[in-house]
């Protein structure tokens, strides 16, 4: 390959990256920063996150919110396999955080490792404790009423791991339909959260490389339209 062709290829790649980054920067985003309840769809028929006591959580190094999965939408459609519903997280692990799930309302199904369970408010562990590195997910098991689950994670800070900023941006990106595999890599790497579809060492490499490419393409960990600053904590 001649030197001119090499420079042409390099120049074309730089120009393409620049164009792609510009396109990402011009995406329209709904402004939800500061809201205490944020939906993951404009039609408000999937699920939402309720935030509270943000200052107390930040001062005490934990994160907590309520995830409300709506019975009347696709996430409550029991004819759709659970892992194909948009509200069901992929089977995943957290590197360092312990999660505590408390069922407030509805009928919960959840997977820990290779085992699947279901329970209601009378039979669920209170709370259900998921230690670091244990693969897990959950979904609505019965659609007679909305599913409400309180999610608590610790330790937590505003820079990485599961946090209010992660869920604000995850909900916003889904609501505005700006989701892409590169954006997911960027969010998940910062949240220290990895899909459990492959052994962890391989998945960490994939997610880290994907996050690097995603950031080069202009995807961010957080966007000002979605992210509540500390001065506005409730």
C-alpha atoms as a PDB file:
ATOM      1  CA  UNK A   1       0.000   0.000   0.000  1.00  0.00           C
ATOM      2  CA  UNK A   2       1.463   3.339  -1.029  1.00  0.00           C
ATOM      3  CA  UNK A   3       1.950   6.139   1.468  1.00  0.00           C
ATOM      4  CA  UNK A   4      -0.778   8.210  -0.180  1.00  0.00           C
ATOM      5  CA  UNK A   5      -3.286   5.377   0.183  1.00  0.00           C
ATOM      6  CA  UNK A   6      -2.405   4.929   3.856  1.00  0.00           C
ATOM      7  CA  UNK A   7      -2.957   8.624   4.508  1.00  0.00           C
ATOM      8  CA  UNK A   8      -6.189   8.528   2.533  1.00  0.00           C
ATOM      9  CA  UNK A   9      -7.476   5.649   4.692  1.00  0.00           C
ATOM     10  CA  UNK A  10      -6.374   7.367   7.918  1.00  0.00           C
ATOM     11  CA  UNK A  11      -7.883  10.670   6.823  1.00  0.00           C
ATOM     12  CA  UNK A  12     -11.138   8.980   5.872  1.00  0.00           C
ATOM     13  CA  UNK A  13     -11.355   7.274   9.274  1.00  0.00           C
ATOM     14  CA  UNK A  14     -10.668  10.532  11.114  1.00  0.00           C
ATOM     15  CA  UNK A  15     -13.305  12.315   9.037  1.00  0.00           C
ATOM     16  CA  UNK A  16     -15.838   9.534   9.637  1.00  0.00           C
ATOM     17  CA  UNK A  17     -15.209   9.542  13.401  1.00  0.00           C
ATOM     18  CA  UNK A  18     -15.580  13.317  13.438  1.00  0.00           C
ATOM     19  CA  UNK A  19     -18.830  13.165  11.498  1.00  0.00           C
ATOM     20  CA  UNK A  20     -20.216  10.392  13.735  1.00  0.00           C
ATOM     21  CA  UNK A  21     -19.289  12.288  16.917  1.00  0.00           C
ATOM     22  CA  UNK A  22     -21.005  15.386  15.562  1.00  0.00           C
ATOM     23  CA  UNK A  23     -24.165  13.408  14.812  1.00  0.00           C
ATOM     24  CA  UNK A  24     -24.205  12.000  18.351  1.00  0.00           C
ATOM     25  CA  UNK A  25     -23.727  15.465  19.847  1.00  0.00           C
ATOM     26  CA  UNK A  26     -26.754  16.747  17.909  1.00  0.00           C
ATOM     27  CA  UNK A  27     -29.214  14.127  19.180  1.00  0.00           C
ATOM     28  CA  UNK A  28     -32.289  15.636  20.821  1.00  0.00           C
ATOM     29  CA  UNK A  29     -32.704  14.621  24.470  1.00  0.00           C
ATOM     30  CA  UNK A  30     -35.695  15.180  26.756  1.00  0.00           C
ATOM     31  CA  UNK A  31     -34.795  17.134  29.885  1.00  0.00           C
ATOM     32  CA  UNK A  32     -35.504  15.025  32.974  1.00  0.00           C
ATOM     33  CA  UNK A  33     -32.655  16.093  35.264  1.00  0.00           C
ATOM     34  CA  UNK A  34     -34.005  16.864  38.727  1.00  0.00           C
ATOM     35  CA  UNK A  35     -37.195  14.840  38.371  1.00  0.00           C
ATOM     36  CA  UNK A  36     -37.907  12.324  41.105  1.00  0.00           C
ATOM     37  CA  UNK A  37     -39.705   9.871  38.790  1.00  0.00           C
ATOM     38  CA  UNK A  38     -38.374   9.064  35.335  1.00  0.00           C
ATOM     39  CA  UNK A  39     -39.984   6.786  32.729  1.00  0.00           C
ATOM     40  CA  UNK A  40     -38.037   4.656  30.254  1.00  0.00           C
ATOM     41  CA  UNK A  41     -40.497   5.289  27.401  1.00  0.00           C
ATOM     42  CA  UNK A  42     -42.341   8.333  26.077  1.00  0.00           C
ATOM     43  CA  UNK A  43     -45.583   6.347  26.117  1.00  0.00           C
ATOM     44  CA  UNK A  44     -44.964   5.559  29.806  1.00  0.00           C
ATOM     45  CA  UNK A  45     -45.899   1.899  29.242  1.00  0.00           C
ATOM     46  CA  UNK A  46     -42.680   0.077  30.133  1.00  0.00           C
ATOM     47  CA  UNK A  47     -41.212   0.979  33.526  1.00  0.00           C
ATOM     48  CA  UNK A  48     -39.934   3.922  35.547  1.00  0.00           C
ATOM     49  CA  UNK A  49     -37.529   4.777  38.364  1.00  0.00           C
ATOM     50  CA  UNK A  50     -38.473   6.667  41.520  1.00  0.00           C
ATOM     51  CA  UNK A  51     -35.611   8.504  43.265  1.00  0.00           C
ATOM     52  CA  UNK A  52     -35.640   9.783  46.843  1.00  0.00           C
ATOM     53  CA  UNK A  53     -33.344  10.793  49.734  1.00  0.00           C
ATOM     54  CA  UNK A  54     -30.516  11.485  47.291  1.00  0.00           C
ATOM     55  CA  UNK A  55     -28.424  13.592  49.672  1.00  0.00           C
ATOM     56  CA  UNK A  56     -28.707  11.024  52.450  1.00  0.00           C
ATOM     57  CA  UNK A  57     -27.693   8.254  50.070  1.00  0.00           C
ATOM     58  CA  UNK A  58     -24.670  10.162  48.788  1.00  0.00           C
ATOM     59  CA  UNK A  59     -23.539  11.010  52.330  1.00  0.00           C
ATOM     60  CA  UNK A  60     -23.846   7.388  53.451  1.00  0.00           C
ATOM     61  CA  UNK A  61     -22.341   5.674  50.372  1.00  0.00           C
ATOM     62  CA  UNK A  62     -25.339   3.723  49.175  1.00  0.00           C
ATOM     63  CA  UNK A  63     -27.827   3.987  46.319  1.00  0.00           C
ATOM     64  CA  UNK A  64     -31.543   3.281  46.427  1.00  0.00           C
ATOM     65  CA  UNK A  65     -34.510   3.713  44.115  1.00  0.00           C
ATOM     66  CA  UNK A  66     -37.784   2.025  43.264  1.00  0.00           C
ATOM     67  CA  UNK A  67     -38.282   0.337  39.901  1.00  0.00           C
ATOM     68  CA  UNK A  68     -41.943   0.312  38.823  1.00  0.00           C
ATOM     69  CA  UNK A  69     -42.726  -2.154  36.016  1.00  0.00           C
ATOM     70  CA  UNK A  70     -46.129  -1.449  34.472  1.00  0.00           C
ATOM     71  CA  UNK A  71     -48.583  -4.296  34.112  1.00  0.00           C
ATOM     72  CA  UNK A  72     -50.434  -2.675  31.184  1.00  0.00           C
ATOM     73  CA  UNK A  73     -47.453  -2.496  28.792  1.00  0.00           C
ATOM     74  CA  UNK A  74     -45.137  -4.885  26.974  1.00  0.00           C
ATOM     75  CA  UNK A  75     -43.205  -5.609  30.173  1.00  0.00           C
ATOM     76  CA  UNK A  76     -46.401  -7.007  31.660  1.00  0.00           C
ATOM     77  CA  UNK A  77     -47.243  -9.091  28.591  1.00  0.00           C
ATOM     78  CA  UNK A  78     -46.808 -12.629  29.868  1.00  0.00           C
ATOM     79  CA  UNK A  79     -46.951 -13.982  26.299  1.00  0.00           C
ATOM     80  CA  UNK A  80     -43.548 -12.391  25.657  1.00  0.00           C
ATOM     81  CA  UNK A  81     -40.628 -14.442  27.050  1.00  0.00           C
ATOM     82  CA  UNK A  82     -39.165 -12.624  30.096  1.00  0.00           C
ATOM     83  CA  UNK A  83     -35.715 -12.078  28.581  1.00  0.00           C
ATOM     84  CA  UNK A  84     -37.292 -10.466  25.499  1.00  0.00           C
ATOM     85  CA  UNK A  85     -39.149  -7.812  27.498  1.00  0.00           C
ATOM     86  CA  UNK A  86     -37.444  -4.400  27.480  1.00  0.00           C
ATOM     87  CA  UNK A  87     -37.711  -4.018  31.266  1.00  0.00           C
ATOM     88  CA  UNK A  88     -35.848  -7.240  32.039  1.00  0.00           C
ATOM     89  CA  UNK A  89     -32.137  -6.576  32.630  1.00  0.00           C
ATOM     90  CA  UNK A  90     -29.772  -8.997  30.907  1.00  0.00           C
ATOM     91  CA  UNK A  91     -28.367 -11.641  33.211  1.00  0.00           C
ATOM     92  CA  UNK A  92     -25.431  -9.748  34.720  1.00  0.00           C
ATOM     93  CA  UNK A  93     -22.979  -9.383  37.594  1.00  0.00           C
ATOM     94  CA  UNK A  94     -21.581  -6.469  39.584  1.00  0.00           C
ATOM     95  CA  UNK A  95     -17.892  -6.457  40.414  1.00  0.00           C
ATOM     96  CA  UNK A  96     -17.952  -4.931  43.883  1.00  0.00           C
ATOM     97  CA  UNK A  97     -21.459  -3.904  44.856  1.00  0.00           C
ATOM     98  CA  UNK A  98     -23.981  -5.901  46.852  1.00  0.00           C
ATOM     99  CA  UNK A  99     -27.591  -5.437  45.756  1.00  0.00           C
ATOM    100  CA  UNK A 100     -30.644  -5.714  47.971  1.00  0.00           C
ATOM    101  CA  UNK A 101     -34.065  -6.158  46.364  1.00  0.00           C
ATOM    102  CA  UNK A 102     -37.213  -5.555  48.414  1.00  0.00           C
ATOM    103  CA  UNK A 103     -40.551  -6.401  46.832  1.00  0.00           C
ATOM    104  CA  UNK A 104     -43.087  -3.656  47.557  1.00  0.00           C
ATOM    105  CA  UNK A 105     -45.932  -4.768  45.287  1.00  0.00           C
ATOM    106  CA  UNK A 106     -46.735  -7.439  42.731  1.00  0.00           C
ATOM    107  CA  UNK A 107     -45.336 -10.854  41.905  1.00  0.00           C
ATOM    108  CA  UNK A 108     -41.609 -11.108  41.235  1.00  0.00           C
ATOM    109  CA  UNK A 109     -39.616 -13.663  39.260  1.00  0.00           C
ATOM    110  CA  UNK A 110     -35.841 -13.623  39.511  1.00  0.00           C
ATOM    111  CA  UNK A 111     -32.811 -15.620  38.475  1.00  0.00           C
ATOM    112  CA  UNK A 112     -29.740 -16.194  40.650  1.00  0.00           C
ATOM    113  CA  UNK A 113     -27.011 -18.087  38.860  1.00  0.00           C
ATOM    114  CA  UNK A 114     -28.767 -20.885  36.979  1.00  0.00           C
ATOM    115  CA  UNK A 115     -31.837 -21.050  39.230  1.00  0.00           C
ATOM    116  CA  UNK A 116     -35.146 -19.241  38.702  1.00  0.00           C
ATOM    117  CA  UNK A 117     -37.522 -18.346  41.533  1.00  0.00           C
ATOM    118  CA  UNK A 118     -40.806 -16.513  41.981  1.00  0.00           C
ATOM    119  CA  UNK A 119     -42.442 -14.939  45.010  1.00  0.00           C
ATOM    120  CA  UNK A 120     -44.956 -12.371  46.244  1.00  0.00           C
ATOM    121  CA  UNK A 121     -44.778  -9.933  49.151  1.00  0.00           C
ATOM    122  CA  UNK A 122     -45.551 -12.759  51.586  1.00  0.00           C
ATOM    123  CA  UNK A 123     -42.929 -15.215  50.342  1.00  0.00           C
ATOM    124  CA  UNK A 124     -40.059 -13.079  48.990  1.00  0.00           C
ATOM    125  CA  UNK A 125     -36.888 -12.692  51.043  1.00  0.00           C
ATOM    126  CA  UNK A 126     -36.993  -9.253  52.665  1.00  0.00           C
ATOM    127  CA  UNK A 127     -34.636  -8.249  51.269  1.00  0.00           C
ATOM    128  CA  UNK A 128     -33.303 -10.526  48.551  1.00  0.00           C
ATOM    129  CA  UNK A 129     -29.511 -10.147  48.797  1.00  0.00           C
ATOM    130  CA  UNK A 130     -27.281 -10.488  45.724  1.00  0.00           C
ATOM    131  CA  UNK A 131     -23.541 -10.448  46.514  1.00  0.00           C
ATOM    132  CA  UNK A 132     -20.884  -9.270  44.044  1.00  0.00           C
ATOM    133  CA  UNK A 133     -20.080 -11.602  41.123  1.00  0.00           C
ATOM    134  CA  UNK A 134     -23.372 -13.546  41.355  1.00  0.00           C
ATOM    135  CA  UNK A 135     -25.278 -13.415  38.057  1.00  0.00           C
ATOM    136  CA  UNK A 136     -28.863 -12.242  38.397  1.00  0.00           C
ATOM    137  CA  UNK A 137     -31.877 -10.587  36.808  1.00  0.00           C
ATOM    138  CA  UNK A 138     -35.590 -10.159  37.555  1.00  0.00           C
ATOM    139  CA  UNK A 139     -38.953  -9.589  35.835  1.00  0.00           C
ATOM    140  CA  UNK A 140     -42.712  -9.382  36.349  1.00  0.00           C
ATOM    141  CA  UNK A 141     -44.204 -12.818  37.016  1.00  0.00           C
ATOM    142  CA  UNK A 142     -47.897 -11.891  37.238  1.00  0.00           C
ATOM    143  CA  UNK A 143     -49.545  -8.861  35.634  1.00  0.00           C
ATOM    144  CA  UNK A 144     -52.518  -8.383  37.941  1.00  0.00           C
ATOM    145  CA  UNK A 145     -50.845  -5.209  39.224  1.00  0.00           C
ATOM    146  CA  UNK A 146     -47.698  -3.176  38.661  1.00  0.00           C
ATOM    147  CA  UNK A 147     -44.472  -4.650  39.979  1.00  0.00           C
ATOM    148  CA  UNK A 148     -42.642  -2.358  42.422  1.00  0.00           C
ATOM    149  CA  UNK A 149     -39.166  -3.347  43.596  1.00  0.00           C
ATOM    150  CA  UNK A 150     -36.911  -1.272  45.819  1.00  0.00           C
ATOM    151  CA  UNK A 151     -33.310  -1.568  44.614  1.00  0.00           C
ATOM    152  CA  UNK A 152     -30.508  -0.844  47.084  1.00  0.00           C
ATOM    153  CA  UNK A 153     -26.799  -1.068  46.196  1.00  0.00           C
ATOM    154  CA  UNK A 154     -23.726  -0.545  48.348  1.00  0.00           C
ATOM    155  CA  UNK A 155     -21.092   0.712  48.488  1.00  0.00           C
ATOM    156  CA  UNK A 156     -21.949   3.457  46.008  1.00  0.00           C
ATOM    157  CA  UNK A 157     -20.493   6.732  44.806  1.00  0.00           C
ATOM    158  CA  UNK A 158     -21.237   9.166  41.996  1.00  0.00           C
ATOM    159  CA  UNK A 159     -18.305   8.185  39.800  1.00  0.00           C
ATOM    160  CA  UNK A 160     -18.785   4.485  39.051  1.00  0.00           C
ATOM    161  CA  UNK A 161     -20.866   1.468  39.949  1.00  0.00           C
ATOM    162  CA  UNK A 162     -24.657   1.473  40.162  1.00  0.00           C
ATOM    163  CA  UNK A 163     -25.822   4.967  41.047  1.00  0.00           C
ATOM    164  CA  UNK A 164     -28.652   7.395  40.488  1.00  0.00           C
ATOM    165  CA  UNK A 165     -26.724   8.879  37.534  1.00  0.00           C
ATOM    166  CA  UNK A 166     -26.507   5.486  35.855  1.00  0.00           C
ATOM    167  CA  UNK A 167     -30.261   4.925  36.079  1.00  0.00           C
ATOM    168  CA  UNK A 168     -31.126   8.517  35.098  1.00  0.00           C
ATOM    169  CA  UNK A 169     -29.038   8.204  31.944  1.00  0.00           C
ATOM    170  CA  UNK A 170     -30.068   4.620  31.196  1.00  0.00           C
ATOM    171  CA  UNK A 171     -33.744   5.612  31.436  1.00  0.00           C
ATOM    172  CA  UNK A 172     -33.205   8.759  29.363  1.00  0.00           C
ATOM    173  CA  UNK A 173     -31.336   7.006  26.571  1.00  0.00           C
ATOM    174  CA  UNK A 174     -34.040   4.341  26.337  1.00  0.00           C
ATOM    175  CA  UNK A 175     -36.852   6.890  26.481  1.00  0.00           C
ATOM    176  CA  UNK A 176     -35.323   8.987  23.691  1.00  0.00           C
ATOM    177  CA  UNK A 177     -34.529   5.829  21.686  1.00  0.00           C
ATOM    178  CA  UNK A 178     -30.838   6.678  21.420  1.00  0.00           C
ATOM    179  CA  UNK A 179     -29.731   3.228  22.539  1.00  0.00           C
ATOM    180  CA  UNK A 180     -26.826   1.529  20.759  1.00  0.00           C
ATOM    181  CA  UNK A 181     -24.419  -1.249  21.634  1.00  0.00           C
ATOM    182  CA  UNK A 182     -21.605   1.305  22.001  1.00  0.00           C
ATOM    183  CA  UNK A 183     -23.651   3.408  24.419  1.00  0.00           C
ATOM    184  CA  UNK A 184     -24.453   0.296  26.452  1.00  0.00           C
ATOM    185  CA  UNK A 185     -20.757  -0.574  26.642  1.00  0.00           C
ATOM    186  CA  UNK A 186     -19.954   2.935  27.925  1.00  0.00           C
ATOM    187  CA  UNK A 187     -22.683   2.828  30.582  1.00  0.00           C
ATOM    188  CA  UNK A 188     -22.001  -0.727  31.739  1.00  0.00           C
ATOM    189  CA  UNK A 189     -18.239  -0.283  31.982  1.00  0.00           C
ATOM    190  CA  UNK A 190     -18.662   2.778  34.190  1.00  0.00           C
ATOM    191  CA  UNK A 191     -21.258   0.938  36.293  1.00  0.00           C
ATOM    192  CA  UNK A 192     -18.845  -2.013  36.701  1.00  0.00           C
ATOM    193  CA  UNK A 193     -21.666  -4.210  35.460  1.00  0.00           C
ATOM    194  CA  UNK A 194     -21.039  -7.058  33.023  1.00  0.00           C
ATOM    195  CA  UNK A 195     -23.375  -9.423  31.141  1.00  0.00           C
ATOM    196  CA  UNK A 196     -23.040 -13.022  32.275  1.00  0.00           C
ATOM    197  CA  UNK A 197     -23.324 -14.539  28.795  1.00  0.00           C
ATOM    198  CA  UNK A 198     -19.560 -15.284  28.696  1.00  0.00           C
ATOM    199  CA  UNK A 199     -16.935 -15.961  31.382  1.00  0.00           C
ATOM    200  CA  UNK A 200     -16.160 -12.728  33.221  1.00  0.00           C
ATOM    201  CA  UNK A 201     -12.542 -12.274  31.989  1.00  0.00           C
ATOM    202  CA  UNK A 202     -13.689 -12.387  28.349  1.00  0.00           C
ATOM    203  CA  UNK A 203     -16.735 -10.193  28.968  1.00  0.00           C
ATOM    204  CA  UNK A 204     -14.643  -7.568  30.767  1.00  0.00           C
ATOM    205  CA  UNK A 205     -12.330  -7.331  27.754  1.00  0.00           C
ATOM    206  CA  UNK A 206     -15.278  -7.031  25.356  1.00  0.00           C
ATOM    207  CA  UNK A 207     -17.038  -4.367  27.429  1.00  0.00           C
ATOM    208  CA  UNK A 208     -13.856  -2.362  28.079  1.00  0.00           C
ATOM    209  CA  UNK A 209     -12.934  -2.344  24.381  1.00  0.00           C
ATOM    210  CA  UNK A 210     -16.515  -1.537  23.440  1.00  0.00           C
ATOM    211  CA  UNK A 211     -16.587   1.337  25.942  1.00  0.00           C
ATOM    212  CA  UNK A 212     -13.338   2.735  24.532  1.00  0.00           C
ATOM    213  CA  UNK A 213     -14.727   2.629  20.992  1.00  0.00           C
ATOM    214  CA  UNK A 214     -18.008   4.082  22.211  1.00  0.00           C
ATOM    215  CA  UNK A 215     -16.304   7.059  23.831  1.00  0.00           C
ATOM    216  CA  UNK A 216     -14.245   7.634  20.692  1.00  0.00           C
ATOM    217  CA  UNK A 217     -17.535   7.716  18.790  1.00  0.00           C
ATOM    218  CA  UNK A 218     -18.854  10.406  21.126  1.00  0.00           C
ATOM    219  CA  UNK A 219     -21.003   8.434  23.557  1.00  0.00           C
ATOM    220  CA  UNK A 220     -20.874   9.656  27.165  1.00  0.00           C
ATOM    221  CA  UNK A 221     -21.248   8.187  30.626  1.00  0.00           C
ATOM    222  CA  UNK A 222     -23.806  10.867  31.435  1.00  0.00           C
ATOM    223  CA  UNK A 223     -25.662  13.710  29.717  1.00  0.00           C
ATOM    224  CA  UNK A 224     -26.617  16.995  31.336  1.00  0.00           C
ATOM    225  CA  UNK A 225     -30.224  16.687  30.139  1.00  0.00           C
ATOM    226  CA  UNK A 226     -30.642  13.538  32.241  1.00  0.00           C
ATOM    227  CA  UNK A 227     -28.272  13.997  35.179  1.00  0.00           C
ATOM    228  CA  UNK A 228     -29.317  15.625  38.446  1.00  0.00           C
ATOM    229  CA  UNK A 229     -26.512  17.685  39.979  1.00  0.00           C
ATOM    230  CA  UNK A 230     -25.903  17.582  43.723  1.00  0.00           C
ATOM    231  CA  UNK A 231     -27.270  21.112  44.260  1.00  0.00           C
ATOM    232  CA  UNK A 232     -30.681  19.814  43.164  1.00  0.00           C
ATOM    233  CA  UNK A 233     -30.716  16.639  45.273  1.00  0.00           C
ATOM    234  CA  UNK A 234     -33.917  16.015  47.181  1.00  0.00           C
END
